[in-house]
Amino acid sequence: MKKSKKTLKMLIICIICIAAVVVINMVKKPSDPFQSSSNKLGYEHIEKEELLNNPKEDCDSYYIYFYKVGCPYCEKVEDSIKTYARSHSALYFVNMDEKSKDYKKFDWNKFHEENDIEIGKVKSNGKIEYYEGESKEKYTKSKEKDEYGKTKRYEIKKADKEYLKTNKKARKGYVYASLETPNIDYYTLTSDDEVTIAGVPTLLHVKNNKVDKFYFDSVEIKPLMEKLNK
């Protein structure tokens, strides 16, 4: 009897230890995949003041990658970014978990209120009834460019509680083509200007102290990296 009690006690202790390890792993923040290092093989981070005037590049072209640790969209491009970094030194990093205060936030609410388009309504059976001349394909396959030459990327969204938080002008129960391509003027940016970051991941390409290309979200960055890594 004493032996069985001792065994039961040990079993309970083991279960508690295993549960504790599981909980710790769940709450533990993932490590920075692009942690700054003085090692030549490490990832080099850059400060806001040097974004356009990087003394290490001397007017040559380079990329700047903005990310956050644990961001699911950043994780989609992590491997391709690492692959590029292994063979290219002209790639610099900004961890927005640490540097977000240095950058201006993009006003997504205002952007959606001004640019999202009502294209239909949700029927009682939950299906979408598009207005005449409107369709999902019209927007998801759109080749239309914005004022900065970026292809406009839309997502079709029903105006539920979550969507109404981002577009207060929307009508509940209706359907919207929601524009997901931020209209940020990086091309005229100078070292004296505030730098707006719409979110992560963001990738800027700098040439001759000017941003000449920019990519937002994994859907734009991953194809670019795959092309560059060939």
Protein backbone atom coordinates (compact mmCIF):
# COMPACT_ATOMS: atom_id res chain seq x y z
CA MET A 1 0.00 0.00 0.00
CA LYS A 2 2.83 2.35 0.92
CA LYS A 3 4.54 1.54 -2.37
CA SER A 4 1.45 2.32 -4.42
CA LYS A 5 1.02 5.65 -2.61
CA LYS A 6 4.64 6.52 -3.30
CA THR A 7 4.21 5.62 -6.98
CA LEU A 8 1.05 7.72 -7.21
CA LYS A 9 2.84 10.64 -5.57
CA MET A 10 5.71 10.41 -8.06
CA LEU A 11 3.24 10.22 -10.94
CA ILE A 12 1.47 13.37 -9.78
CA ILE A 13 4.79 15.21 -9.46
CA CYS A 14 5.76 14.16 -12.99
CA ILE A 15 2.42 15.36 -14.38
CA ILE A 16 2.81 18.71 -12.61
CA CYS A 17 6.36 19.11 -13.99
CA ILE A 18 5.26 18.29 -17.53
CA ALA A 19 2.34 20.72 -17.27
CA ALA A 20 4.68 23.44 -16.00
CA VAL A 21 7.03 22.95 -18.97
CA VAL A 22 4.11 23.12 -21.40
CA VAL A 23 2.80 26.35 -19.85
CA ILE A 24 6.26 27.95 -19.88
CA ASN A 25 6.72 27.09 -23.56
CA MET A 26 3.29 28.52 -24.37
CA VAL A 27 3.94 31.89 -22.74
CA LYS A 28 7.60 32.11 -23.68
CA LYS A 29 8.19 34.74 -26.34
CA PRO A 30 9.90 33.38 -29.47
CA SER A 31 13.48 34.46 -30.03
CA ASP A 32 14.43 37.14 -32.55
CA PRO A 33 15.26 35.37 -35.84
CA PHE A 34 17.29 38.37 -36.97
CA GLN A 35 18.99 39.32 -33.74
CA SER A 36 21.68 41.94 -34.14
CA SER A 37 25.22 40.67 -33.81
CA SER A 38 28.75 42.04 -34.10
CA ASN A 39 29.65 38.75 -35.77
CA LYS A 40 30.25 39.11 -39.49
CA LEU A 41 27.69 36.38 -40.09
CA GLY A 42 25.08 38.14 -37.94
CA TYR A 43 22.21 40.35 -39.05
CA GLU A 44 22.96 44.03 -39.14
CA HIS A 45 20.34 46.41 -37.80
CA ILE A 46 19.97 50.04 -38.83
CA GLU A 47 18.78 53.16 -37.00
CA LYS A 48 16.15 55.51 -38.39
CA GLU A 49 18.68 58.31 -38.89
CA GLU A 50 20.68 56.16 -41.31
CA LEU A 51 17.84 54.67 -43.38
CA LEU A 52 18.60 56.88 -46.38
CA ASN A 53 22.17 57.79 -45.47
CA ASN A 54 23.79 54.51 -44.63
CA PRO A 55 27.53 55.23 -44.24
CA LYS A 56 28.35 51.56 -44.82
CA GLU A 57 26.87 51.60 -48.33
CA ASP A 58 28.18 54.94 -49.66
CA CYS A 59 25.18 55.61 -51.96
CA ASP A 60 25.03 52.00 -53.15
CA SER A 61 21.67 50.24 -53.16
CA TYR A 62 20.44 48.13 -50.24
CA TYR A 63 17.30 46.70 -48.65
CA ILE A 64 15.78 47.47 -45.26
CA TYR A 65 13.51 44.85 -43.73
CA PHE A 66 11.00 45.79 -41.00
CA TYR A 67 9.62 42.94 -38.91
CA LYS A 68 8.27 41.83 -35.53
CA VAL A 69 9.10 38.70 -33.57
CA GLY A 70 6.27 36.18 -33.74
CA CYS A 71 4.44 37.98 -36.55
CA PRO A 72 2.76 35.22 -38.65
CA TYR A 73 3.16 37.21 -41.88
CA CYS A 74 6.85 37.77 -41.14
CA GLU A 75 7.29 34.06 -40.53
CA LYS A 76 6.05 33.40 -44.07
CA VAL A 77 9.07 35.21 -45.52
CA GLU A 78 11.62 34.41 -42.79
CA ASP A 79 13.38 31.60 -44.62
CA SER A 80 13.67 33.51 -47.90
CA ILE A 81 14.97 36.61 -46.08
CA LYS A 82 17.61 34.47 -44.34
CA THR A 83 18.58 32.84 -47.62
CA TYR A 84 19.10 36.25 -49.22
CA ALA A 85 21.04 37.55 -46.22
CA ARG A 86 23.49 34.64 -46.36
CA SER A 87 24.80 35.76 -49.74
CA HIS A 88 24.10 39.52 -49.67
CA SER A 89 25.48 41.99 -47.15
CA ALA A 90 23.31 44.89 -48.34
CA LEU A 91 20.31 43.90 -46.23
CA TYR A 92 19.55 45.71 -42.99
CA PHE A 93 16.98 45.04 -40.31
CA VAL A 94 14.59 46.98 -38.06
CA ASN A 95 12.87 45.14 -35.22
CA MET A 96 9.60 47.05 -34.79
CA ASP A 97 9.05 45.48 -31.37
CA GLU A 98 11.93 47.67 -30.23
CA LYS A 99 11.80 50.59 -32.68
CA SER A 100 8.09 51.27 -33.31
CA LYS A 101 8.27 54.60 -31.45
CA ASP A 102 10.75 55.87 -34.05
CA TYR A 103 8.21 55.53 -36.86
CA LYS A 104 4.85 57.04 -37.71
CA LYS A 105 1.84 54.73 -37.70
CA PHE A 106 -0.26 54.44 -40.81
CA ASP A 107 -3.92 55.39 -40.27
CA TRP A 108 -5.62 52.24 -41.52
CA ASN A 109 -9.06 53.30 -40.27
CA LYS A 110 -9.03 56.51 -42.26
CA PHE A 111 -7.60 54.67 -45.25
CA HIS A 112 -10.39 52.07 -45.27
CA GLU A 113 -13.07 54.70 -44.76
CA GLU A 114 -11.80 56.61 -47.79
CA ASN A 115 -10.94 53.73 -50.12
CA ASP A 116 -13.06 50.65 -49.41
CA ILE A 117 -15.91 50.14 -51.87
CA GLU A 118 -19.39 48.82 -51.08
CA ILE A 119 -20.07 46.15 -53.70
CA GLY A 120 -23.00 44.12 -52.37
CA LYS A 121 -24.91 42.85 -49.37
CA VAL A 122 -25.20 39.67 -47.34
CA LYS A 123 -28.44 37.76 -47.90
CA SER A 124 -30.39 36.05 -45.11
CA ASN A 125 -28.77 32.71 -46.02
CA GLY A 126 -25.29 34.21 -45.58
CA LYS A 127 -24.48 34.32 -49.28
CA ILE A 128 -23.25 37.49 -50.99
CA GLU A 129 -25.42 39.30 -53.49
CA TYR A 130 -23.21 41.57 -55.58
CA TYR A 131 -24.48 44.79 -57.10
CA GLU A 132 -24.82 44.95 -60.85
CA GLY A 133 -21.36 45.26 -62.43
CA GLU A 134 -19.60 44.11 -59.26
CA SER A 135 -17.98 40.76 -58.48
CA LYS A 136 -15.26 39.22 -56.32
CA GLU A 137 -12.98 38.72 -59.34
CA LYS A 138 -13.25 42.37 -60.36
CA TYR A 139 -11.22 43.32 -57.30
CA THR A 140 -9.18 40.25 -56.33
CA LYS A 141 -7.79 40.06 -59.88
CA SER A 142 -7.53 43.81 -60.40
CA LYS A 143 -4.48 45.19 -62.21
CA GLU A 144 -5.31 48.77 -61.28
CA LYS A 145 -2.38 50.85 -60.03
CA ASP A 146 -2.41 53.42 -57.26
CA GLU A 147 -0.80 56.85 -57.49
CA TYR A 148 2.61 55.37 -56.63
CA GLY A 149 2.53 52.63 -59.24
CA LYS A 150 1.60 49.83 -56.87
CA THR A 151 -0.97 47.25 -57.95
CA LYS A 152 -4.02 47.64 -55.74
CA ARG A 153 -4.70 44.53 -53.69
CA TYR A 154 -8.22 44.01 -52.39
CA GLU A 155 -9.87 41.58 -50.00
CA ILE A 156 -13.62 40.96 -50.03
CA LYS A 157 -15.06 41.47 -46.55
CA LYS A 158 -18.49 41.24 -44.99
CA ALA A 159 -19.29 44.16 -42.71
CA ASP A 160 -19.33 42.31 -39.39
CA LYS A 161 -18.32 43.66 -35.99
CA GLU A 162 -14.60 43.29 -36.70
CA TYR A 163 -14.72 45.04 -40.06
CA LEU A 164 -16.86 47.88 -38.68
CA LYS A 165 -14.02 48.66 -36.26
CA THR A 166 -11.74 49.50 -39.20
CA ASN A 167 -14.35 51.23 -41.37
CA LYS A 168 -16.90 53.16 -39.35
CA LYS A 169 -18.57 54.40 -42.54
CA ALA A 170 -19.50 50.86 -43.55
CA ARG A 171 -23.02 49.48 -43.17
CA LYS A 172 -23.51 46.30 -41.19
CA GLY A 173 -24.58 43.37 -43.34
CA TYR A 174 -23.11 44.77 -46.53
CA VAL A 175 -20.04 43.66 -48.49
CA TYR A 176 -16.91 45.68 -49.24
CA ALA A 177 -13.86 45.47 -51.45
CA SER A 178 -11.27 46.37 -48.82
CA LEU A 179 -8.07 47.94 -50.16
CA GLU A 180 -4.97 46.40 -48.53
CA THR A 181 -2.25 48.34 -50.37
CA PRO A 182 -1.24 51.37 -48.27
CA ASN A 183 -0.75 54.59 -50.22
CA ILE A 184 2.50 55.82 -48.69
CA ASP A 185 4.76 58.21 -50.57
CA TYR A 186 8.21 56.78 -49.96
CA TYR A 187 9.67 58.14 -53.20
CA THR A 188 9.94 61.75 -52.01
CA LEU A 189 11.12 60.77 -48.54
CA THR A 190 14.12 62.65 -47.15
CA SER A 191 16.23 62.02 -44.06
CA ASP A 192 14.40 64.88 -42.31
CA ASP A 193 10.93 63.38 -42.81
CA GLU A 194 8.96 61.09 -40.55
CA VAL A 195 8.93 57.55 -41.88
CA THR A 196 5.52 55.87 -41.98
CA ILE A 197 5.30 52.10 -41.61
CA ALA A 198 1.90 50.55 -42.36
CA GLY A 199 2.76 47.28 -40.67
CA VAL A 200 5.08 44.32 -40.91
CA PRO A 201 6.61 42.85 -42.85
CA THR A 202 7.73 45.86 -44.90
CA LEU A 203 10.72 45.95 -47.24
CA LEU A 204 12.27 49.15 -48.62
CA HIS A 205 14.88 49.37 -51.36
CA VAL A 206 17.17 52.37 -51.15
CA LYS A 207 19.29 53.64 -54.03
CA ASN A 208 21.25 56.91 -54.14
CA ASN A 209 19.78 57.94 -50.77
CA LYS A 210 16.19 57.55 -52.01
CA VAL A 211 13.57 54.82 -51.65
CA ASP A 212 12.93 53.63 -55.18
CA LYS A 213 10.92 50.48 -54.38
CA PHE A 214 8.83 49.27 -51.48
CA TYR A 215 7.00 46.06 -50.68
CA PHE A 216 4.29 45.48 -48.09
CA ASP A 217 3.18 42.21 -46.54
CA SER A 218 4.29 38.67 -47.30
CA VAL A 219 2.26 38.53 -50.53
CA GLU A 220 4.60 41.12 -52.07
CA ILE A 221 7.85 40.32 -50.28
CA LYS A 222 7.93 36.54 -50.71
CA PRO A 223 7.74 36.55 -54.55
CA LEU A 224 10.48 39.18 -54.68
CA MET A 225 12.76 37.18 -52.39
CA GLU A 226 12.15 33.99 -54.32
CA LYS A 227 13.11 35.81 -57.51
CA LEU A 228 16.25 37.33 -55.96
CA ASN A 229 17.30 33.98 -54.47
CA LYS A 230 17.29 32.14 -57.81
